[in-house]
Amino acid sequence: MKKAITEVRGQDDAELRDKLGDLRKEQFGLRFRGSADEVAKTTRHREVRRTIARILTVLGERAAAGGAVGAGEAARAAASPKANPKSSGGGAAAARPAKAKASSRKQSEGNKS
């Protein structure tokens, strides 16, 4: 295990990002191959997932040390509602009007007749 993380730490950021993209494509392919056919090497799913985690860990460590935003952090920041200043901050719940309580509906129906 130490060998795997030291191997990842030995590569520069550009190489790691390229490898990350390749691994994500492979992971996508493994999902479909696993659903359609029998996967000959079932442990490859685990290897790919863990290697992706190692790469993201190293990129995150380097970003924290350098003060820049890493690949994983940039994706999370873009997906969070706080990152978008144009949004109201409430997400989908703020776009929907509040539902009236059942008791208040019955009272308003009773007042109409």
C-alpha atoms as a PDB file:
ATOM      1  CA  MET A   1       0.000   0.000   0.000  1.00  0.00           C
ATOM      2  CA  LYS A   2       2.831   2.408   0.784  1.00  0.00           C
ATOM      3  CA  LYS A   3       4.265   1.601  -2.616  1.00  0.00           C
ATOM      4  CA  ALA A   4       1.066   2.732  -4.349  1.00  0.00           C
ATOM      5  CA  ILE A   5       0.835   6.100  -2.598  1.00  0.00           C
ATOM      6  CA  THR A   6       4.549   6.850  -3.030  1.00  0.00           C
ATOM      7  CA  GLU A   7       4.168   6.066  -6.722  1.00  0.00           C
ATOM      8  CA  VAL A   8       1.305   8.571  -6.973  1.00  0.00           C
ATOM      9  CA  ARG A   9       3.213  11.200  -5.008  1.00  0.00           C
ATOM     10  CA  GLY A  10       6.151  10.813  -7.399  1.00  0.00           C
ATOM     11  CA  GLN A  11       4.116  12.166 -10.331  1.00  0.00           C
ATOM     12  CA  ASP A  12       3.437  15.815 -11.057  1.00  0.00           C
ATOM     13  CA  ASP A  13      -0.030  17.395 -11.113  1.00  0.00           C
ATOM     14  CA  ALA A  14      -0.499  17.252 -14.889  1.00  0.00           C
ATOM     15  CA  GLU A  15       0.299  13.537 -14.991  1.00  0.00           C
ATOM     16  CA  LEU A  16      -2.040  12.892 -12.087  1.00  0.00           C
ATOM     17  CA  ARG A  17      -4.912  14.759 -13.747  1.00  0.00           C
ATOM     18  CA  ASP A  18      -4.376  12.813 -16.983  1.00  0.00           C
ATOM     19  CA  LYS A  19      -4.294   9.534 -15.088  1.00  0.00           C
ATOM     20  CA  LEU A  20      -7.402  10.568 -13.149  1.00  0.00           C
ATOM     21  CA  GLY A  21      -9.307  11.161 -16.375  1.00  0.00           C
ATOM     22  CA  ASP A  22      -8.221   7.797 -17.762  1.00  0.00           C
ATOM     23  CA  LEU A  23      -9.212   5.995 -14.570  1.00  0.00           C
ATOM     24  CA  ARG A  24     -12.634   7.644 -14.494  1.00  0.00           C
ATOM     25  CA  LYS A  25     -13.247   6.544 -18.086  1.00  0.00           C
ATOM     26  CA  GLU A  26     -12.158   3.024 -17.166  1.00  0.00           C
ATOM     27  CA  GLN A  27     -14.412   3.054 -14.114  1.00  0.00           C
ATOM     28  CA  PHE A  28     -17.343   4.110 -16.295  1.00  0.00           C
ATOM     29  CA  GLY A  29     -16.609   1.285 -18.710  1.00  0.00           C
ATOM     30  CA  LEU A  30     -16.302  -1.243 -15.894  1.00  0.00           C
ATOM     31  CA  ARG A  31     -19.744  -0.325 -14.615  1.00  0.00           C
ATOM     32  CA  PHE A  32     -21.353  -1.085 -17.945  1.00  0.00           C
ATOM     33  CA  ARG A  33     -19.288  -4.177 -18.606  1.00  0.00           C
ATOM     34  CA  GLY A  34     -20.189  -5.439 -15.142  1.00  0.00           C
ATOM     35  CA  SER A  35     -23.881  -4.950 -15.751  1.00  0.00           C
ATOM     36  CA  ALA A  36     -23.861  -6.611 -19.173  1.00  0.00           C
ATOM     37  CA  ASP A  37     -21.241  -9.353 -18.901  1.00  0.00           C
ATOM     38  CA  GLU A  38     -19.390 -11.243 -16.224  1.00  0.00           C
ATOM     39  CA  VAL A  39     -16.321  -9.290 -15.240  1.00  0.00           C
ATOM     40  CA  ALA A  40     -13.271 -11.507 -15.407  1.00  0.00           C
ATOM     41  CA  LYS A  41     -11.328  -9.539 -12.835  1.00  0.00           C
ATOM     42  CA  THR A  42     -13.756  -8.245 -10.244  1.00  0.00           C
ATOM     43  CA  THR A  43     -11.038  -6.696  -8.115  1.00  0.00           C
ATOM     44  CA  ARG A  44     -10.313  -4.125 -10.833  1.00  0.00           C
ATOM     45  CA  HIS A  45     -13.315  -2.081  -9.658  1.00  0.00           C
ATOM     46  CA  ARG A  46     -11.739  -1.752  -6.233  1.00  0.00           C
ATOM     47  CA  GLU A  47      -8.284  -0.998  -7.627  1.00  0.00           C
ATOM     48  CA  VAL A  48      -9.597   1.777  -9.863  1.00  0.00           C
ATOM     49  CA  ARG A  49     -11.711   3.312  -7.091  1.00  0.00           C
ATOM     50  CA  ARG A  50      -8.829   3.314  -4.633  1.00  0.00           C
ATOM     51  CA  THR A  51      -6.351   4.702  -7.145  1.00  0.00           C
ATOM     52  CA  ILE A  52      -8.757   7.543  -7.903  1.00  0.00           C
ATOM     53  CA  ALA A  53      -9.000   8.238  -4.168  1.00  0.00           C
ATOM     54  CA  ARG A  54      -5.196   8.243  -3.843  1.00  0.00           C
ATOM     55  CA  ILE A  55      -4.836  10.711  -6.710  1.00  0.00           C
ATOM     56  CA  LEU A  56      -7.491  13.020  -5.292  1.00  0.00           C
ATOM     57  CA  THR A  57      -5.843  12.819  -1.872  1.00  0.00           C
ATOM     58  CA  VAL A  58      -2.435  13.797  -3.246  1.00  0.00           C
ATOM     59  CA  LEU A  59      -3.902  16.611  -5.361  1.00  0.00           C
ATOM     60  CA  GLY A  60      -5.801  17.868  -2.320  1.00  0.00           C
ATOM     61  CA  GLU A  61      -2.692  17.774  -0.144  1.00  0.00           C
ATOM     62  CA  ARG A  62      -0.737  19.699  -2.751  1.00  0.00           C
ATOM     63  CA  ALA A  63      -3.529  22.245  -3.109  1.00  0.00           C
ATOM     64  CA  ALA A  64      -3.700  22.742   0.655  1.00  0.00           C
ATOM     65  CA  ALA A  65       0.054  23.213   0.831  1.00  0.00           C
ATOM     66  CA  GLY A  66       0.112  25.561  -2.160  1.00  0.00           C
ATOM     67  CA  GLY A  67      -3.102  27.436  -1.390  1.00  0.00           C
ATOM     68  CA  ALA A  68      -4.636  26.586  -4.764  1.00  0.00           C
ATOM     69  CA  VAL A  69      -7.871  24.698  -5.371  1.00  0.00           C
ATOM     70  CA  GLY A  70      -7.387  21.021  -6.269  1.00  0.00           C
ATOM     71  CA  ALA A  71      -9.318  19.028  -8.859  1.00  0.00           C
ATOM     72  CA  GLY A  72     -11.691  17.424  -6.361  1.00  0.00           C
ATOM     73  CA  GLU A  73     -12.231  20.617  -4.404  1.00  0.00           C
ATOM     74  CA  ALA A  74     -13.009  22.634  -7.541  1.00  0.00           C
ATOM     75  CA  ALA A  75     -15.721  20.180  -8.543  1.00  0.00           C
ATOM     76  CA  ARG A  76     -17.232  20.213  -5.055  1.00  0.00           C
ATOM     77  CA  ALA A  77     -17.098  24.018  -4.876  1.00  0.00           C
ATOM     78  CA  ALA A  78     -18.830  24.360  -8.239  1.00  0.00           C
ATOM     79  CA  ALA A  79     -21.586  21.960  -7.180  1.00  0.00           C
ATOM     80  CA  SER A  80     -22.315  23.604  -3.845  1.00  0.00           C
ATOM     81  CA  PRO A  81     -25.099  26.200  -3.734  1.00  0.00           C
ATOM     82  CA  LYS A  82     -22.913  28.574  -1.720  1.00  0.00           C
ATOM     83  CA  ALA A  83     -20.467  28.860  -4.618  1.00  0.00           C
ATOM     84  CA  ASN A  84     -23.061  30.471  -6.882  1.00  0.00           C
ATOM     85  CA  PRO A  85     -23.698  34.043  -5.694  1.00  0.00           C
ATOM     86  CA  LYS A  86     -26.660  34.440  -8.086  1.00  0.00           C
ATOM     87  CA  SER A  87     -28.688  31.726  -6.371  1.00  0.00           C
ATOM     88  CA  SER A  88     -30.975  32.571  -3.511  1.00  0.00           C
ATOM     89  CA  GLY A  89     -29.148  30.122  -1.275  1.00  0.00           C
ATOM     90  CA  GLY A  90     -32.231  28.051  -0.568  1.00  0.00           C
ATOM     91  CA  GLY A  91     -31.887  25.610  -3.432  1.00  0.00           C
ATOM     92  CA  ALA A  92     -34.988  23.902  -4.817  1.00  0.00           C
ATOM     93  CA  ALA A  93     -36.917  24.355  -1.572  1.00  0.00           C
ATOM     94  CA  ALA A  94     -36.816  28.145  -1.909  1.00  0.00           C
ATOM     95  CA  ALA A  95     -38.279  27.988  -5.423  1.00  0.00           C
ATOM     96  CA  ARG A  96     -41.408  26.135  -4.279  1.00  0.00           C
ATOM     97  CA  PRO A  97     -44.120  27.938  -2.323  1.00  0.00           C
ATOM     98  CA  ALA A  98     -44.848  26.655   1.136  1.00  0.00           C
ATOM     99  CA  LYS A  99     -47.658  24.140   1.415  1.00  0.00           C
ATOM    100  CA  ALA A 100     -50.704  25.151   3.395  1.00  0.00           C
ATOM    101  CA  LYS A 101     -51.491  23.102   6.439  1.00  0.00           C
ATOM    102  CA  ALA A 102     -54.478  20.785   6.227  1.00  0.00           C
ATOM    103  CA  SER A 103     -56.236  22.469   9.127  1.00  0.00           C
ATOM    104  CA  SER A 104     -56.039  25.925   7.551  1.00  0.00           C
ATOM    105  CA  ARG A 105     -57.402  24.542   4.267  1.00  0.00           C
ATOM    106  CA  LYS A 106     -60.415  23.098   6.054  1.00  0.00           C
ATOM    107  CA  GLN A 107     -61.055  26.391   7.783  1.00  0.00           C
ATOM    108  CA  SER A 108     -60.881  28.345   4.526  1.00  0.00           C
ATOM    109  CA  GLU A 109     -63.241  25.873   2.828  1.00  0.00           C
ATOM    110  CA  GLY A 110     -65.687  26.261   5.700  1.00  0.00           C
ATOM    111  CA  ASN A 111     -65.668  30.061   5.369  1.00  0.00           C
ATOM    112  CA  LYS A 112     -66.565  29.953   1.655  1.00  0.00           C
ATOM    113  CA  SER A 113     -69.961  28.296   2.110  1.00  0.00           C
END
